[in-house]
Amino acid sequence: MNGIGQRLQQARLEKWPKEEVQLLNQLRQQANQQVTELNDVTNKTPIGARQQAKAQINQAQLSIQAFARLLEQAEAEQWETARKATLEKALKEAHRQKEQAETTLEEMDGLD
């Protein structure tokens, strides 16, 4: 699928005929749909659901780290209050998402 996207981008840059670009775009969309459907099926299995919960925890942790660093930078550079408040809100939301994913994973562990 990634290869289709790369070819599509190259075709656009090289100004391929419109019909060819449209065909590549349709193929990419079909591939995206198939991957989405496969992910939906996979995520419904216990192993897939567990992997999805772990991925959500990892993504939330990365968000927490990123927003914490930005907040430190905001404090050091004395950003305006509204901008810092936005970062604090995003950091709080990332913590909430991580806790929610951890709870989901713990519930799955309890079912094993």
Protein backbone atom coordinates (compact mmCIF):
# COMPACT_ATOMS: atom_id res chain seq x y z
CA MET A 1 0.00 0.00 0.00
CA ASN A 2 2.82 2.39 0.85
CA GLY A 3 4.32 1.75 -2.58
CA ILE A 4 1.07 2.81 -4.25
CA GLY A 5 1.08 6.06 -2.28
CA GLN A 6 4.66 6.77 -3.26
CA ARG A 7 3.95 6.13 -6.95
CA LEU A 8 0.86 8.33 -6.73
CA GLN A 9 2.90 11.16 -5.26
CA GLN A 10 5.58 10.71 -7.92
CA ALA A 11 2.94 10.66 -10.67
CA ARG A 12 1.50 13.94 -9.42
CA LEU A 13 4.94 15.55 -9.23
CA GLU A 14 5.82 14.37 -12.72
CA LYS A 15 2.45 15.55 -14.04
CA TRP A 16 1.27 12.18 -15.34
CA PRO A 17 -2.00 12.21 -17.33
CA LYS A 18 -5.04 12.83 -15.16
CA GLU A 19 -6.55 9.39 -15.89
CA GLU A 20 -3.40 7.60 -14.74
CA VAL A 21 -3.24 9.62 -11.53
CA GLN A 22 -6.92 8.90 -10.88
CA LEU A 23 -6.35 5.17 -11.41
CA LEU A 24 -3.45 5.14 -8.94
CA ASN A 25 -5.55 7.09 -6.46
CA GLN A 26 -8.43 4.61 -6.80
CA LEU A 27 -6.04 1.69 -6.29
CA ARG A 28 -4.62 3.36 -3.17
CA GLN A 29 -8.12 3.95 -1.80
CA GLN A 30 -9.07 0.32 -2.43
CA ALA A 31 -5.91 -0.88 -0.70
CA ASN A 32 -6.64 1.44 2.25
CA GLN A 33 -10.16 0.02 2.50
CA GLN A 34 -8.89 -3.56 2.46
CA VAL A 35 -6.32 -2.82 5.16
CA THR A 36 -8.99 -1.12 7.28
CA GLU A 37 -11.29 -4.12 6.94
CA LEU A 38 -8.47 -6.51 7.82
CA ASN A 39 -7.54 -4.41 10.86
CA ASP A 40 -11.16 -4.42 12.00
CA VAL A 41 -11.26 -8.23 11.85
CA THR A 42 -7.86 -8.57 13.52
CA ASN A 43 -8.74 -6.14 16.31
CA LYS A 44 -11.77 -8.23 17.21
CA THR A 45 -9.59 -11.20 18.15
CA PRO A 46 -8.21 -11.32 21.72
CA ILE A 47 -4.64 -10.99 20.48
CA GLY A 48 -5.54 -8.14 18.14
CA ALA A 49 -7.47 -6.29 20.84
CA ARG A 50 -4.55 -6.68 23.25
CA GLN A 51 -2.09 -5.37 20.64
CA GLN A 52 -4.37 -2.44 19.92
CA ALA A 53 -4.59 -1.56 23.63
CA LYS A 54 -0.80 -1.75 23.97
CA ALA A 55 -0.38 0.45 20.89
CA GLN A 56 -2.78 3.00 22.39
CA ILE A 57 -0.78 3.00 25.63
CA ASN A 58 2.46 3.55 23.73
CA GLN A 59 0.95 6.33 21.60
CA ALA A 60 -0.43 8.06 24.69
CA GLN A 61 2.97 7.79 26.39
CA LEU A 62 4.65 9.41 23.39
CA SER A 63 2.07 12.20 23.49
CA ILE A 64 2.67 12.69 27.21
CA GLN A 65 6.41 12.98 26.65
CA ALA A 66 5.99 15.40 23.75
CA PHE A 67 3.57 17.69 25.56
CA ALA A 68 5.63 17.60 28.75
CA ARG A 69 8.68 18.75 26.78
CA LEU A 70 6.66 21.47 25.07
CA LEU A 71 5.31 22.60 28.42
CA GLU A 72 8.85 22.82 29.81
CA GLN A 73 9.84 24.87 26.78
CA ALA A 74 6.79 27.09 27.24
CA GLU A 75 7.74 27.71 30.87
CA ALA A 76 11.37 28.41 30.02
CA GLU A 77 10.47 30.77 27.19
CA GLN A 78 7.56 32.30 29.10
CA TRP A 79 4.91 31.64 26.49
CA GLU A 80 1.59 33.39 26.91
CA THR A 81 -0.86 31.86 29.35
CA ALA A 82 -3.39 30.76 26.72
CA ARG A 83 -0.77 28.77 24.80
CA LYS A 84 0.47 27.10 27.99
CA ALA A 85 -3.11 26.29 28.98
CA THR A 86 -3.62 24.54 25.64
CA LEU A 87 -0.52 22.42 26.23
CA GLU A 88 -1.69 21.57 29.75
CA LYS A 89 -5.09 20.55 28.39
CA ALA A 90 -3.47 18.32 25.74
CA LEU A 91 -1.17 16.77 28.36
CA LYS A 92 -4.11 16.06 30.65
CA GLU A 93 -6.00 14.44 27.75
CA ALA A 94 -2.99 12.27 26.88
CA HIS A 95 -2.83 11.07 30.50
CA ARG A 96 -6.56 10.30 30.40
CA GLN A 97 -6.18 8.30 27.19
CA LYS A 98 -3.27 6.34 28.63
CA GLU A 99 -5.21 5.52 31.79
CA GLN A 100 -8.20 4.43 29.72
CA ALA A 101 -6.05 2.14 27.55
CA GLU A 102 -4.33 0.70 30.63
CA THR A 103 -7.73 -0.01 32.19
CA THR A 104 -8.83 -1.76 29.01
CA LEU A 105 -5.68 -3.88 29.02
CA GLU A 106 -6.13 -4.74 32.71
CA GLU A 107 -9.72 -5.81 32.01
CA MET A 108 -8.46 -8.07 29.22
CA ASP A 109 -5.91 -9.57 31.59
CA GLY A 110 -8.71 -10.30 34.04
CA LEU A 111 -10.58 -12.24 31.36
CA ASP A 112 -7.63 -14.53 30.60
